[in-house]
């Protein structure tokens, strides 16, 4: 008779208690870190930066053409997405818009858009942010240039909505970002060397 061979199966040794506790602790730390990263990513994506808030505000702004015809005074802001002062003021202006949009039009004109070049020339915009306060008929009442404190802007908006003189307009110049208006290139007249067109005549 042939005896069956027995394959002794190795009996696993009991894991030390310290390694089980260590693995559970490591897994708990990984889970907590994953939750913390998820929460911070969620909050980071839902918090708008200054640039994102400017874009949202511009999309929600009242068009200039409508604002000058709807019998409400207006705050016109000349801005650019790259303007750090504009980005810094965006949260305060958004809150002011929520508080006063029932009585004041909030208009935003991007200086990088050549469509607004006539308005930039009309209001002499050479730094941004540049705010123009218009009465209900579209006539300019005053201007504020550069980064302004919220309290100053709010006092001007209260006066604008009441039809009073603006307490902090025209003379205020805060921190600005320089802007140069896009201008079409001019062609120079070409002259022949003997045309004498560039000579001075007594």
Protein backbone atom coordinates (compact mmCIF):
# COMPACT_ATOMS: atom_id res chain seq x y z
CA UNK A 1 0.00 0.00 0.00
CA UNK A 2 1.07 3.48 -0.85
CA UNK A 3 0.83 5.94 1.81
CA UNK A 4 -0.48 9.31 0.82
CA UNK A 5 2.04 12.00 1.16
CA UNK A 6 0.99 14.67 3.42
CA UNK A 7 1.71 18.21 2.47
CA UNK A 8 2.09 19.95 5.64
CA UNK A 9 0.58 23.39 5.21
CA UNK A 10 2.42 26.02 7.08
CA UNK A 11 0.48 27.50 9.90
CA UNK A 12 0.66 31.27 9.82
CA UNK A 13 2.11 32.78 12.84
CA UNK A 14 -0.02 35.25 14.72
CA UNK A 15 0.85 38.81 13.82
CA UNK A 16 2.17 40.82 16.64
CA UNK A 17 -0.46 43.09 18.15
CA UNK A 18 1.71 46.13 17.61
CA UNK A 19 1.73 45.75 13.80
CA UNK A 20 -2.09 45.51 13.65
CA UNK A 21 -2.46 48.65 15.73
CA UNK A 22 0.21 50.36 13.62
CA UNK A 23 -1.60 49.48 10.37
CA UNK A 24 -4.92 50.76 11.70
CA UNK A 25 -3.33 53.97 12.89
CA UNK A 26 -1.65 54.50 9.51
CA UNK A 27 -4.97 53.88 7.68
CA UNK A 28 -6.76 56.32 9.99
CA UNK A 29 -4.14 59.02 9.31
CA UNK A 30 -4.43 58.45 5.53
CA UNK A 31 -8.22 58.70 5.72
CA UNK A 32 -8.06 61.94 7.74
CA UNK A 33 -5.55 63.49 5.33
CA UNK A 34 -7.73 62.50 2.35
CA UNK A 35 -10.77 64.13 4.00
CA UNK A 36 -8.82 67.29 4.81
CA UNK A 37 -7.53 67.56 1.23
CA UNK A 38 -11.01 66.99 -0.19
CA UNK A 39 -12.50 69.72 1.99
CA UNK A 40 -9.74 72.19 1.14
CA UNK A 41 -10.06 71.43 -2.57
CA UNK A 42 -13.84 71.92 -2.42
CA UNK A 43 -13.50 75.22 -0.58
CA UNK A 44 -10.71 76.36 -2.88
CA UNK A 45 -12.79 75.74 -5.98
CA UNK A 46 -15.84 77.47 -4.55
CA UNK A 47 -13.98 80.56 -3.38
CA UNK A 48 -13.55 83.01 -6.23
CA UNK A 49 -10.30 84.80 -6.73
CA UNK A 50 -10.28 88.51 -7.53
CA UNK A 51 -10.03 87.73 -11.22
CA UNK A 52 -12.91 85.26 -11.11
CA UNK A 53 -15.05 87.67 -9.12
CA UNK A 54 -14.31 90.48 -11.59
CA UNK A 55 -15.44 88.27 -14.46
CA UNK A 56 -18.64 87.35 -12.61
CA UNK A 57 -19.34 90.98 -11.75
CA UNK A 58 -18.74 92.06 -15.35
CA UNK A 59 -21.15 89.40 -16.61
CA UNK A 60 -23.81 90.60 -14.16
CA UNK A 61 -23.20 94.33 -14.76
CA UNK A 62 -25.78 96.52 -16.42
CA UNK A 63 -24.80 97.56 -19.96
CA UNK A 64 -23.78 101.22 -20.25
CA UNK A 65 -26.38 101.87 -22.96
CA UNK A 66 -29.18 100.70 -20.65
CA UNK A 67 -27.80 102.43 -17.56
CA UNK A 68 -27.82 105.85 -19.22
CA UNK A 69 -31.52 105.47 -20.13
CA UNK A 70 -33.19 103.86 -17.11
CA UNK A 71 -33.50 106.97 -14.87
CA UNK A 72 -31.23 105.64 -12.12
CA UNK A 73 -27.81 107.05 -11.21
CA UNK A 74 -24.83 104.88 -12.16
CA UNK A 75 -21.41 103.88 -10.93
CA UNK A 76 -19.21 103.14 -13.94
CA UNK A 77 -16.01 101.24 -13.20
CA UNK A 78 -13.19 101.08 -15.73
CA UNK A 79 -11.20 97.95 -14.89
CA UNK A 80 -9.05 95.13 -16.29
CA UNK A 81 -8.81 91.49 -15.27
CA UNK A 82 -5.06 91.85 -14.66
CA UNK A 83 -5.44 94.92 -12.41
CA UNK A 84 -4.48 93.97 -8.86
CA UNK A 85 -6.22 97.02 -7.36
CA UNK A 86 -9.41 96.08 -9.22
CA UNK A 87 -9.13 92.52 -7.91
CA UNK A 88 -8.55 93.77 -4.35
CA UNK A 89 -11.67 95.97 -4.47
CA UNK A 90 -13.91 93.35 -6.11
CA UNK A 91 -15.27 91.75 -2.90
CA UNK A 92 -16.22 95.13 -1.40
CA UNK A 93 -17.79 96.32 -4.64
CA UNK A 94 -19.77 93.09 -4.91
CA UNK A 95 -21.19 93.66 -1.42
CA UNK A 96 -21.97 97.30 -2.23
CA UNK A 97 -23.69 96.21 -5.41
CA UNK A 98 -25.88 93.81 -3.45
CA UNK A 99 -26.81 96.60 -1.05
CA UNK A 100 -27.44 99.40 -3.58
CA UNK A 101 -28.33 97.80 -6.93
CA UNK A 102 -32.02 98.57 -6.41
CA UNK A 103 -31.24 102.31 -6.68
CA UNK A 104 -27.92 102.51 -8.55
CA UNK A 105 -26.72 100.93 -11.81
CA UNK A 106 -23.37 99.17 -11.54
CA UNK A 107 -21.58 99.30 -14.91
CA UNK A 108 -18.20 97.72 -15.65
CA UNK A 109 -16.12 98.62 -18.71
CA UNK A 110 -12.99 96.58 -19.44
CA UNK A 111 -10.21 98.87 -20.67
CA UNK A 112 -8.73 96.01 -22.70
CA UNK A 113 -11.81 96.12 -24.94
CA UNK A 114 -11.32 98.79 -27.62
CA UNK A 115 -15.11 99.22 -27.78
CA UNK A 116 -14.78 101.45 -24.70
CA UNK A 117 -12.03 103.69 -26.10
CA UNK A 118 -14.39 106.68 -26.64
CA UNK A 119 -15.53 106.47 -23.01
CA UNK A 120 -11.92 106.12 -21.83
CA UNK A 121 -11.04 109.32 -23.71
CA UNK A 122 -14.20 111.11 -22.55
CA UNK A 123 -13.50 110.42 -18.87
CA UNK A 124 -9.70 110.66 -19.25
CA UNK A 125 -9.00 107.17 -17.96
CA UNK A 126 -5.25 106.75 -17.51
CA UNK A 127 -5.21 104.53 -14.43
CA UNK A 128 -7.48 101.84 -13.10
CA UNK A 129 -9.66 101.27 -11.28
CA UNK A 130 -11.34 104.47 -12.42
CA UNK A 131 -14.85 105.16 -11.12
CA UNK A 132 -17.25 107.63 -12.73
CA UNK A 133 -20.42 108.61 -10.87
CA UNK A 134 -23.28 109.50 -13.25
CA UNK A 135 -26.58 111.11 -12.29
CA UNK A 136 -29.94 109.70 -13.42
CA UNK A 137 -29.64 111.48 -16.77
CA UNK A 138 -26.13 110.16 -17.48
CA UNK A 139 -24.21 113.33 -16.64
CA UNK A 140 -20.93 112.85 -14.73
CA UNK A 141 -20.99 114.09 -11.15
CA UNK A 142 -17.52 113.07 -10.07
CA UNK A 143 -14.73 110.54 -10.34
CA UNK A 144 -12.55 108.49 -8.03
CA UNK A 145 -9.33 106.99 -9.29
CA UNK A 146 -7.44 104.09 -7.76
CA UNK A 147 -8.07 101.69 -4.94
CA UNK A 148 -10.63 103.18 -2.56
CA UNK A 149 -11.67 102.11 0.94
CA UNK A 150 -15.13 100.55 1.15
CA UNK A 151 -16.36 103.31 3.48
CA UNK A 152 -15.42 106.03 0.97
CA UNK A 153 -17.17 104.20 -1.88
CA UNK A 154 -20.26 103.61 0.26
CA UNK A 155 -20.51 107.28 1.29
CA UNK A 156 -20.31 108.26 -2.38
CA UNK A 157 -23.00 105.71 -3.30
CA UNK A 158 -25.33 106.94 -0.53
CA UNK A 159 -24.93 110.51 -1.79
CA UNK A 160 -25.36 109.40 -5.40
CA UNK A 161 -28.61 107.57 -4.65
CA UNK A 162 -29.92 110.57 -2.67
CA UNK A 163 -29.00 113.05 -5.42
CA UNK A 164 -26.58 114.87 -3.09
CA UNK A 165 -23.07 116.13 -3.72
CA UNK A 166 -20.50 113.35 -3.63
CA UNK A 167 -18.38 113.75 -0.49
CA UNK A 168 -15.31 111.90 -1.75
CA UNK A 169 -15.16 112.29 -5.50
CA UNK A 170 -12.88 114.13 -7.93
CA UNK A 171 -9.95 114.72 -5.58
CA UNK A 172 -9.26 111.15 -4.46
CA UNK A 173 -6.42 109.33 -6.11
CA UNK A 174 -5.48 105.96 -4.62
CA UNK A 175 -3.20 103.20 -5.85
CA UNK A 176 -3.71 102.57 -9.58
CA UNK A 177 -2.51 100.29 -12.32
CA UNK A 178 -1.26 102.23 -15.35
CA UNK A 179 -3.24 101.68 -18.51
CA UNK A 180 -2.56 102.72 -22.05
CA UNK A 181 -5.44 102.85 -24.45
CA UNK A 182 -5.07 100.72 -27.56
CA UNK A 183 -4.69 103.15 -30.43
CA UNK A 184 -4.73 102.35 -34.12
CA UNK A 185 -1.34 102.79 -35.78
CA UNK A 186 -1.01 105.85 -37.94
CA UNK A 187 0.82 105.72 -41.21
CA UNK A 188 3.49 108.31 -41.78
CA UNK A 189 3.58 110.09 -45.07
CA UNK A 190 6.63 109.08 -47.04
CA UNK A 191 8.55 111.91 -48.59
CA UNK A 192 11.14 111.84 -51.26
CA UNK A 193 14.59 113.10 -50.30
CA UNK A 194 14.22 116.22 -52.46
CA UNK A 195 10.62 117.05 -51.62
CA UNK A 196 11.72 119.55 -48.96
CA UNK A 197 8.63 118.70 -46.92
CA UNK A 198 10.62 118.31 -43.74
CA UNK A 199 12.56 121.54 -44.03
CA UNK A 200 11.73 124.53 -41.92
CA UNK A 201 10.60 127.61 -43.77
CA UNK A 202 11.14 131.12 -42.43
